[in-house]
């Protein structure tokens, strides 16, 4: 039952992200939060797979260049898996800092990939303003979501043993 609930939440990350951002005009990157959670708690392989899958879904939903989100989310999943493999004790501050760094890094990577994929690149000032607003918002909301999902029992039952080490 936990696995089914977790998969449903994963598949709902992108549609919820679209609904929340279109209704509130605040962009919270829920697909990045889901990728971070899977990479952090289930390892690099799971992080890359979930990140790649959600990135592919995002690429299909947007009119942007193909592969932009796929690469960014797969890299985010790998980095979150590396963080989980290092064995840092999960804490709200760790989640906040990790999500803020991942959000800034992945949005920068996707912005740098736009010209390679033939997309229209926003001006650096527009990009910096968007990242300055999106990064803290995604970090705070993402930290709350990661803590809530872990509290609901959708994370690994025993966090002292990581099979991906």
C-alpha atoms as a PDB file:
ATOM      1  CA  UNK A   1       0.000   0.000   0.000  1.00  0.00           C
ATOM      2  CA  UNK A   2       2.888   2.363   0.791  1.00  0.00           C
ATOM      3  CA  UNK A   3       4.400   1.725  -2.623  1.00  0.00           C
ATOM      4  CA  UNK A   4       1.118   2.440  -4.411  1.00  0.00           C
ATOM      5  CA  UNK A   5       0.610   5.668  -2.450  1.00  0.00           C
ATOM      6  CA  UNK A   6       4.181   6.714  -3.224  1.00  0.00           C
ATOM      7  CA  UNK A   7       3.756   6.027  -6.944  1.00  0.00           C
ATOM      8  CA  UNK A   8       0.493   7.975  -7.038  1.00  0.00           C
ATOM      9  CA  UNK A   9       2.202  10.956  -5.404  1.00  0.00           C
ATOM     10  CA  UNK A  10       5.057  10.723  -7.918  1.00  0.00           C
ATOM     11  CA  UNK A  11       2.703  10.707 -10.891  1.00  0.00           C
ATOM     12  CA  UNK A  12       0.728  13.612  -9.435  1.00  0.00           C
ATOM     13  CA  UNK A  13       3.824  15.792  -8.905  1.00  0.00           C
ATOM     14  CA  UNK A  14       3.829  17.337 -12.390  1.00  0.00           C
ATOM     15  CA  UNK A  15       0.052  17.954 -12.716  1.00  0.00           C
ATOM     16  CA  UNK A  16      -0.016  19.439  -9.207  1.00  0.00           C
ATOM     17  CA  UNK A  17       2.956  21.624 -10.108  1.00  0.00           C
ATOM     18  CA  UNK A  18       1.114  22.951 -13.156  1.00  0.00           C
ATOM     19  CA  UNK A  19      -2.114  23.592 -11.221  1.00  0.00           C
ATOM     20  CA  UNK A  20      -0.388  25.302  -8.296  1.00  0.00           C
ATOM     21  CA  UNK A  21       1.778  27.522 -10.488  1.00  0.00           C
ATOM     22  CA  UNK A  22      -1.095  28.536 -12.774  1.00  0.00           C
ATOM     23  CA  UNK A  23      -3.463  29.334  -9.885  1.00  0.00           C
ATOM     24  CA  UNK A  24      -1.054  31.104  -7.531  1.00  0.00           C
ATOM     25  CA  UNK A  25       1.555  32.423  -9.997  1.00  0.00           C
ATOM     26  CA  UNK A  26       4.161  31.047  -7.595  1.00  0.00           C
ATOM     27  CA  UNK A  27       6.380  28.350  -9.028  1.00  0.00           C
ATOM     28  CA  UNK A  28       7.106  25.490  -6.639  1.00  0.00           C
ATOM     29  CA  UNK A  29       9.098  22.784  -8.388  1.00  0.00           C
ATOM     30  CA  UNK A  30       7.272  19.713  -7.043  1.00  0.00           C
ATOM     31  CA  UNK A  31       8.947  17.402  -9.542  1.00  0.00           C
ATOM     32  CA  UNK A  32      12.336  18.448  -8.163  1.00  0.00           C
ATOM     33  CA  UNK A  33      11.103  17.851  -4.600  1.00  0.00           C
ATOM     34  CA  UNK A  34       9.879  14.352  -5.554  1.00  0.00           C
ATOM     35  CA  UNK A  35      13.192  13.646  -7.278  1.00  0.00           C
ATOM     36  CA  UNK A  36      15.107  14.859  -4.219  1.00  0.00           C
ATOM     37  CA  UNK A  37      13.041  12.655  -1.894  1.00  0.00           C
ATOM     38  CA  UNK A  38      13.557   9.516  -3.989  1.00  0.00           C
ATOM     39  CA  UNK A  39      17.259  10.164  -4.476  1.00  0.00           C
ATOM     40  CA  UNK A  40      17.833  11.031  -0.829  1.00  0.00           C
ATOM     41  CA  UNK A  41      16.019   8.051   0.642  1.00  0.00           C
ATOM     42  CA  UNK A  42      16.255   5.372  -2.063  1.00  0.00           C
ATOM     43  CA  UNK A  43      19.637   5.984  -3.700  1.00  0.00           C
ATOM     44  CA  UNK A  44      21.268   7.343  -6.830  1.00  0.00           C
ATOM     45  CA  UNK A  45      19.647   4.843  -9.192  1.00  0.00           C
ATOM     46  CA  UNK A  46      16.149   5.610  -7.962  1.00  0.00           C
ATOM     47  CA  UNK A  47      16.887   9.339  -8.027  1.00  0.00           C
ATOM     48  CA  UNK A  48      18.096   9.238 -11.623  1.00  0.00           C
ATOM     49  CA  UNK A  49      15.165   7.037 -12.719  1.00  0.00           C
ATOM     50  CA  UNK A  50      12.516   9.174 -11.026  1.00  0.00           C
ATOM     51  CA  UNK A  51      14.208  12.408 -12.111  1.00  0.00           C
ATOM     52  CA  UNK A  52      14.506  11.212 -15.699  1.00  0.00           C
ATOM     53  CA  UNK A  53      10.898  10.023 -15.768  1.00  0.00           C
ATOM     54  CA  UNK A  54       9.508  13.235 -14.301  1.00  0.00           C
ATOM     55  CA  UNK A  55      11.801  15.288 -16.538  1.00  0.00           C
ATOM     56  CA  UNK A  56      10.568  13.410 -19.599  1.00  0.00           C
ATOM     57  CA  UNK A  57       6.984  14.019 -18.475  1.00  0.00           C
ATOM     58  CA  UNK A  58       7.752  17.739 -18.026  1.00  0.00           C
ATOM     59  CA  UNK A  59       9.376  17.872 -21.468  1.00  0.00           C
ATOM     60  CA  UNK A  60       6.243  16.342 -22.955  1.00  0.00           C
ATOM     61  CA  UNK A  61       3.973  18.810 -21.151  1.00  0.00           C
ATOM     62  CA  UNK A  62       5.895  21.933 -22.150  1.00  0.00           C
ATOM     63  CA  UNK A  63       6.598  23.374 -25.543  1.00  0.00           C
ATOM     64  CA  UNK A  64      10.275  23.841 -24.739  1.00  0.00           C
ATOM     65  CA  UNK A  65      13.184  21.909 -26.167  1.00  0.00           C
ATOM     66  CA  UNK A  66      13.188  18.154 -25.673  1.00  0.00           C
ATOM     67  CA  UNK A  67      15.540  16.770 -23.056  1.00  0.00           C
ATOM     68  CA  UNK A  68      16.044  19.961 -21.082  1.00  0.00           C
ATOM     69  CA  UNK A  69      14.087  18.881 -17.997  1.00  0.00           C
ATOM     70  CA  UNK A  70      15.094  15.234 -18.398  1.00  0.00           C
ATOM     71  CA  UNK A  71      18.789  16.036 -18.006  1.00  0.00           C
ATOM     72  CA  UNK A  72      18.237  18.531 -15.189  1.00  0.00           C
ATOM     73  CA  UNK A  73      16.023  16.249 -13.113  1.00  0.00           C
ATOM     74  CA  UNK A  74      18.268  13.206 -13.667  1.00  0.00           C
ATOM     75  CA  UNK A  75      21.284  15.202 -12.429  1.00  0.00           C
ATOM     76  CA  UNK A  76      19.241  16.363  -9.412  1.00  0.00           C
ATOM     77  CA  UNK A  77      18.294  12.768  -8.591  1.00  0.00           C
ATOM     78  CA  UNK A  78      21.912  11.683  -8.800  1.00  0.00           C
ATOM     79  CA  UNK A  79      23.099  14.520  -6.551  1.00  0.00           C
ATOM     80  CA  UNK A  80      20.364  13.784  -4.008  1.00  0.00           C
ATOM     81  CA  UNK A  81      21.390  10.122  -4.067  1.00  0.00           C
ATOM     82  CA  UNK A  82      25.001  11.080  -3.419  1.00  0.00           C
ATOM     83  CA  UNK A  83      23.831  13.143  -0.445  1.00  0.00           C
ATOM     84  CA  UNK A  84      21.838  10.181   0.870  1.00  0.00           C
ATOM     85  CA  UNK A  85      24.744   7.783   0.358  1.00  0.00           C
ATOM     86  CA  UNK A  86      26.995   9.995   2.468  1.00  0.00           C
ATOM     87  CA  UNK A  87      24.811   9.159   5.446  1.00  0.00           C
ATOM     88  CA  UNK A  88      23.982  12.659   6.655  1.00  0.00           C
ATOM     89  CA  UNK A  89      21.223  12.499   9.244  1.00  0.00           C
ATOM     90  CA  UNK A  90      18.015  13.865   7.733  1.00  0.00           C
ATOM     91  CA  UNK A  91      17.036  17.142   9.359  1.00  0.00           C
ATOM     92  CA  UNK A  92      14.869  20.083   8.288  1.00  0.00           C
ATOM     93  CA  UNK A  93      17.933  22.304   7.838  1.00  0.00           C
ATOM     94  CA  UNK A  94      19.654  19.723   5.628  1.00  0.00           C
ATOM     95  CA  UNK A  95      16.546  19.392   3.458  1.00  0.00           C
ATOM     96  CA  UNK A  96      16.181  23.186   3.218  1.00  0.00           C
ATOM     97  CA  UNK A  97      19.794  23.793   2.192  1.00  0.00           C
ATOM     98  CA  UNK A  98      19.917  20.803  -0.174  1.00  0.00           C
ATOM     99  CA  UNK A  99      16.672  21.774  -1.920  1.00  0.00           C
ATOM    100  CA  UNK A 100      17.783  25.408  -2.243  1.00  0.00           C
ATOM    101  CA  UNK A 101      21.125  24.396  -3.757  1.00  0.00           C
ATOM    102  CA  UNK A 102      19.528  21.819  -6.061  1.00  0.00           C
ATOM    103  CA  UNK A 103      16.858  24.259  -7.235  1.00  0.00           C
ATOM    104  CA  UNK A 104      19.386  26.964  -8.076  1.00  0.00           C
ATOM    105  CA  UNK A 105      21.796  24.531  -9.720  1.00  0.00           C
ATOM    106  CA  UNK A 106      19.187  22.702 -11.789  1.00  0.00           C
ATOM    107  CA  UNK A 107      17.488  25.874 -13.006  1.00  0.00           C
ATOM    108  CA  UNK A 108      20.910  27.232 -13.984  1.00  0.00           C
ATOM    109  CA  UNK A 109      21.725  23.994 -15.823  1.00  0.00           C
ATOM    110  CA  UNK A 110      18.401  24.074 -17.665  1.00  0.00           C
ATOM    111  CA  UNK A 111      18.944  27.745 -18.565  1.00  0.00           C
ATOM    112  CA  UNK A 112      22.392  26.897 -19.952  1.00  0.00           C
ATOM    113  CA  UNK A 113      20.941  23.977 -21.963  1.00  0.00           C
ATOM    114  CA  UNK A 114      18.345  26.175 -23.690  1.00  0.00           C
ATOM    115  CA  UNK A 115      20.632  27.546 -26.441  1.00  0.00           C
ATOM    116  CA  UNK A 116      22.028  24.074 -27.129  1.00  0.00           C
ATOM    117  CA  UNK A 117      18.522  22.729 -27.626  1.00  0.00           C
ATOM    118  CA  UNK A 118      17.447  25.642 -29.798  1.00  0.00           C
ATOM    119  CA  UNK A 119      15.177  27.264 -27.227  1.00  0.00           C
ATOM    120  CA  UNK A 120      14.622  30.948 -26.592  1.00  0.00           C
ATOM    121  CA  UNK A 121      16.850  32.026 -23.715  1.00  0.00           C
ATOM    122  CA  UNK A 122      15.394  34.571 -21.270  1.00  0.00           C
ATOM    123  CA  UNK A 123      17.569  37.525 -20.348  1.00  0.00           C
ATOM    124  CA  UNK A 124      19.958  36.985 -17.438  1.00  0.00           C
ATOM    125  CA  UNK A 125      18.033  39.504 -15.322  1.00  0.00           C
ATOM    126  CA  UNK A 126      14.716  37.701 -15.881  1.00  0.00           C
ATOM    127  CA  UNK A 127      16.428  34.431 -15.038  1.00  0.00           C
ATOM    128  CA  UNK A 128      17.960  35.807 -11.815  1.00  0.00           C
ATOM    129  CA  UNK A 129      14.642  37.270 -10.677  1.00  0.00           C
ATOM    130  CA  UNK A 130      12.858  33.983 -11.344  1.00  0.00           C
ATOM    131  CA  UNK A 131      15.516  31.969  -9.503  1.00  0.00           C
ATOM    132  CA  UNK A 132      15.557  34.443  -6.589  1.00  0.00           C
ATOM    133  CA  UNK A 133      11.815  33.892  -6.108  1.00  0.00           C
ATOM    134  CA  UNK A 134      11.564  30.189  -6.996  1.00  0.00           C
ATOM    135  CA  UNK A 135      14.541  28.911  -4.992  1.00  0.00           C
ATOM    136  CA  UNK A 136      13.445  29.893  -1.462  1.00  0.00           C
ATOM    137  CA  UNK A 137       9.829  29.020  -2.224  1.00  0.00           C
ATOM    138  CA  UNK A 138      10.709  25.552  -3.508  1.00  0.00           C
ATOM    139  CA  UNK A 139      13.142  24.996  -0.625  1.00  0.00           C
ATOM    140  CA  UNK A 140      10.630  25.895   2.107  1.00  0.00           C
ATOM    141  CA  UNK A 141       7.614  24.128   0.590  1.00  0.00           C
ATOM    142  CA  UNK A 142       9.789  21.168  -0.414  1.00  0.00           C
ATOM    143  CA  UNK A 143      11.201  20.798   3.096  1.00  0.00           C
ATOM    144  CA  UNK A 144       7.700  20.786   4.552  1.00  0.00           C
ATOM    145  CA  UNK A 145       6.564  18.207   1.979  1.00  0.00           C
ATOM    146  CA  UNK A 146       9.586  15.938   2.497  1.00  0.00           C
ATOM    147  CA  UNK A 147       9.063  16.003   6.264  1.00  0.00           C
ATOM    148  CA  UNK A 148       5.321  15.350   5.874  1.00  0.00           C
ATOM    149  CA  UNK A 149       5.799  12.462   3.437  1.00  0.00           C
ATOM    150  CA  UNK A 150       8.487  10.920   5.646  1.00  0.00           C
ATOM    151  CA  UNK A 151       6.172  11.335   8.655  1.00  0.00           C
ATOM    152  CA  UNK A 152       3.347   9.595   6.766  1.00  0.00           C
ATOM    153  CA  UNK A 153       5.592   6.590   6.328  1.00  0.00           C
ATOM    154  CA  UNK A 154       6.232   6.805   2.590  1.00  0.00           C
ATOM    155  CA  UNK A 155       9.983   6.858   3.130  1.00  0.00           C
ATOM    156  CA  UNK A 156      12.044   3.826   4.054  1.00  0.00           C
ATOM    157  CA  UNK A 157      10.984   2.223   7.325  1.00  0.00           C
ATOM    158  CA  UNK A 158      14.524   1.939   8.676  1.00  0.00           C
ATOM    159  CA  UNK A 159      16.669   4.931   7.732  1.00  0.00           C
ATOM    160  CA  UNK A 160      19.760   3.509   9.432  1.00  0.00           C
ATOM    161  CA  UNK A 161      20.172   0.924   6.668  1.00  0.00           C
ATOM    162  CA  UNK A 162      20.642   2.144   3.119  1.00  0.00           C
ATOM    163  CA  UNK A 163      20.873  -0.666   0.563  1.00  0.00           C
ATOM    164  CA  UNK A 164      22.320   1.757  -1.994  1.00  0.00           C
ATOM    165  CA  UNK A 165      25.583   2.320  -0.082  1.00  0.00           C
END
